[in-house]
Amino acid sequence: MASDGVRGIVTLVCLTCGKERFFTNQVPATVTCEQCSGTVFRTFATPTEPDDAAIDAAEAQARSIAYGDSSPDDTRGDARDLDAR
């Protein structure tokens, strides 16, 4: 985690078996997988306090879920294209 006081959750995913480990304070220098004893992990940092980038990403990915609303990027032929072989 960053030392500037930013709060968040760090997820380590074992590349061998896929088991996840979560850390909220500090990630240890060496981590061993409890399931397969692997030592190579992929790191994902998730902030728990919204910042401008997180808010912008959420707004960009949001879509209307009201009944009858269509996705703004869909065209009438897109559904037929999915069925094409």
C-alpha atoms as a PDB file:
ATOM      1  CA  MET A   1       0.000   0.000   0.000  1.00  0.00           C
ATOM      2  CA  ALA A   2       1.102   3.560  -0.458  1.00  0.00           C
ATOM      3  CA  SER A   3       2.636   5.282   2.517  1.00  0.00           C
ATOM      4  CA  ASP A   4       0.761   8.557   1.900  1.00  0.00           C
ATOM      5  CA  GLY A   5      -2.218   7.434   3.981  1.00  0.00           C
ATOM      6  CA  VAL A   6      -4.483   6.370   1.113  1.00  0.00           C
ATOM      7  CA  ARG A   7      -6.890   3.735   2.356  1.00  0.00           C
ATOM      8  CA  GLY A   8      -7.723   0.663   0.366  1.00  0.00           C
ATOM      9  CA  ILE A   9      -7.637  -3.083   0.040  1.00  0.00           C
ATOM     10  CA  VAL A  10      -4.815  -4.979  -1.617  1.00  0.00           C
ATOM     11  CA  THR A  11      -5.743  -8.336  -3.116  1.00  0.00           C
ATOM     12  CA  LEU A  12      -3.030 -10.845  -3.922  1.00  0.00           C
ATOM     13  CA  VAL A  13      -4.056 -13.639  -6.302  1.00  0.00           C
ATOM     14  CA  CYS A  14      -1.829 -16.711  -6.448  1.00  0.00           C
ATOM     15  CA  LEU A  15      -0.757 -17.363 -10.039  1.00  0.00           C
ATOM     16  CA  THR A  16      -0.523 -21.100  -9.411  1.00  0.00           C
ATOM     17  CA  CYS A  17      -3.927 -21.901  -7.882  1.00  0.00           C
ATOM     18  CA  GLY A  18      -5.912 -18.636  -7.911  1.00  0.00           C
ATOM     19  CA  LYS A  19      -6.418 -18.360  -4.151  1.00  0.00           C
ATOM     20  CA  GLU A  20      -6.946 -14.781  -3.005  1.00  0.00           C
ATOM     21  CA  ARG A  21      -5.448 -13.081   0.035  1.00  0.00           C
ATOM     22  CA  PHE A  22      -6.647  -9.676   1.240  1.00  0.00           C
ATOM     23  CA  PHE A  23      -4.691  -7.021   3.143  1.00  0.00           C
ATOM     24  CA  THR A  24      -6.016  -3.727   4.492  1.00  0.00           C
ATOM     25  CA  ASN A  25      -3.015  -2.348   6.362  1.00  0.00           C
ATOM     26  CA  GLN A  26       0.294  -3.435   4.900  1.00  0.00           C
ATOM     27  CA  VAL A  27       1.327  -6.261   2.590  1.00  0.00           C
ATOM     28  CA  PRO A  28       4.129  -8.414   4.034  1.00  0.00           C
ATOM     29  CA  ALA A  29       7.424  -8.515   2.129  1.00  0.00           C
ATOM     30  CA  THR A  30       7.060 -12.267   1.542  1.00  0.00           C
ATOM     31  CA  VAL A  31       3.744 -14.048   1.131  1.00  0.00           C
ATOM     32  CA  THR A  32       3.193 -17.775   0.715  1.00  0.00           C
ATOM     33  CA  CYS A  33      -0.049 -19.261  -0.561  1.00  0.00           C
ATOM     34  CA  GLU A  34      -1.847 -21.270   2.110  1.00  0.00           C
ATOM     35  CA  GLN A  35      -3.272 -23.681  -0.464  1.00  0.00           C
ATOM     36  CA  CYS A  36      -0.382 -24.552  -2.796  1.00  0.00           C
ATOM     37  CA  SER A  37       2.649 -22.901  -1.117  1.00  0.00           C
ATOM     38  CA  GLY A  38       3.163 -20.711  -4.193  1.00  0.00           C
ATOM     39  CA  THR A  39       5.090 -17.467  -3.844  1.00  0.00           C
ATOM     40  CA  VAL A  40       4.133 -15.602  -7.043  1.00  0.00           C
ATOM     41  CA  PHE A  41       1.075 -13.348  -6.803  1.00  0.00           C
ATOM     42  CA  ARG A  42      -0.728 -10.821  -8.958  1.00  0.00           C
ATOM     43  CA  THR A  43      -1.499  -7.637  -7.029  1.00  0.00           C
ATOM     44  CA  PHE A  44      -4.734  -5.652  -7.284  1.00  0.00           C
ATOM     45  CA  ALA A  45      -5.120  -2.428  -5.287  1.00  0.00           C
ATOM     46  CA  THR A  46      -8.666  -1.197  -4.681  1.00  0.00           C
ATOM     47  CA  PRO A  47      -9.150   2.225  -3.080  1.00  0.00           C
ATOM     48  CA  THR A  48     -11.924   2.411  -0.510  1.00  0.00           C
ATOM     49  CA  GLU A  49     -12.236   6.180  -0.709  1.00  0.00           C
ATOM     50  CA  PRO A  50     -13.522   7.549  -4.014  1.00  0.00           C
ATOM     51  CA  ASP A  51     -11.195   9.793  -5.978  1.00  0.00           C
ATOM     52  CA  ASP A  52     -11.740  11.622  -9.260  1.00  0.00           C
ATOM     53  CA  ALA A  53     -10.546   8.697 -11.361  1.00  0.00           C
ATOM     54  CA  ALA A  54     -12.771   6.167  -9.559  1.00  0.00           C
ATOM     55  CA  ILE A  55     -15.810   8.429  -9.801  1.00  0.00           C
ATOM     56  CA  ASP A  56     -15.189   9.091 -13.512  1.00  0.00           C
ATOM     57  CA  ALA A  57     -14.758   5.360 -14.220  1.00  0.00           C
ATOM     58  CA  ALA A  58     -17.981   4.517 -12.380  1.00  0.00           C
ATOM     59  CA  GLU A  59     -19.901   7.175 -14.291  1.00  0.00           C
ATOM     60  CA  ALA A  60     -18.458   6.019 -17.623  1.00  0.00           C
ATOM     61  CA  GLN A  61     -19.375   2.392 -16.941  1.00  0.00           C
ATOM     62  CA  ALA A  62     -22.817   3.127 -15.520  1.00  0.00           C
ATOM     63  CA  ARG A  63     -25.842   2.496 -17.655  1.00  0.00           C
ATOM     64  CA  SER A  64     -29.537   2.934 -17.215  1.00  0.00           C
ATOM     65  CA  ILE A  65     -31.315  -0.095 -15.824  1.00  0.00           C
ATOM     66  CA  ALA A  66     -34.821   1.236 -16.209  1.00  0.00           C
ATOM     67  CA  TYR A  67     -37.216  -1.143 -17.927  1.00  0.00           C
ATOM     68  CA  GLY A  68     -37.268  -0.611 -21.671  1.00  0.00           C
ATOM     69  CA  ASP A  69     -34.095   1.462 -21.867  1.00  0.00           C
ATOM     70  CA  SER A  70     -31.597   0.299 -24.430  1.00  0.00           C
ATOM     71  CA  SER A  71     -27.866   0.660 -24.222  1.00  0.00           C
ATOM     72  CA  PRO A  72     -26.841   3.906 -25.947  1.00  0.00           C
ATOM     73  CA  ASP A  73     -24.173   2.164 -28.056  1.00  0.00           C
ATOM     74  CA  ASP A  74     -26.388  -0.632 -29.335  1.00  0.00           C
ATOM     75  CA  THR A  75     -27.952  -0.613 -32.757  1.00  0.00           C
ATOM     76  CA  ARG A  76     -30.886  -2.665 -33.968  1.00  0.00           C
ATOM     77  CA  GLY A  77     -28.548  -4.999 -35.897  1.00  0.00           C
ATOM     78  CA  ASP A  78     -26.196  -5.732 -32.977  1.00  0.00           C
ATOM     79  CA  ALA A  79     -28.415  -8.464 -31.539  1.00  0.00           C
ATOM     80  CA  ARG A  80     -28.639 -10.158 -34.935  1.00  0.00           C
ATOM     81  CA  ASP A  81     -24.837  -9.973 -35.305  1.00  0.00           C
ATOM     82  CA  LEU A  82     -24.449 -11.993 -32.099  1.00  0.00           C
ATOM     83  CA  ASP A  83     -26.426 -14.827 -33.681  1.00  0.00           C
ATOM     84  CA  ALA A  84     -24.380 -14.823 -36.913  1.00  0.00           C
ATOM     85  CA  ARG A  85     -21.969 -17.690 -37.443  1.00  0.00           C
END
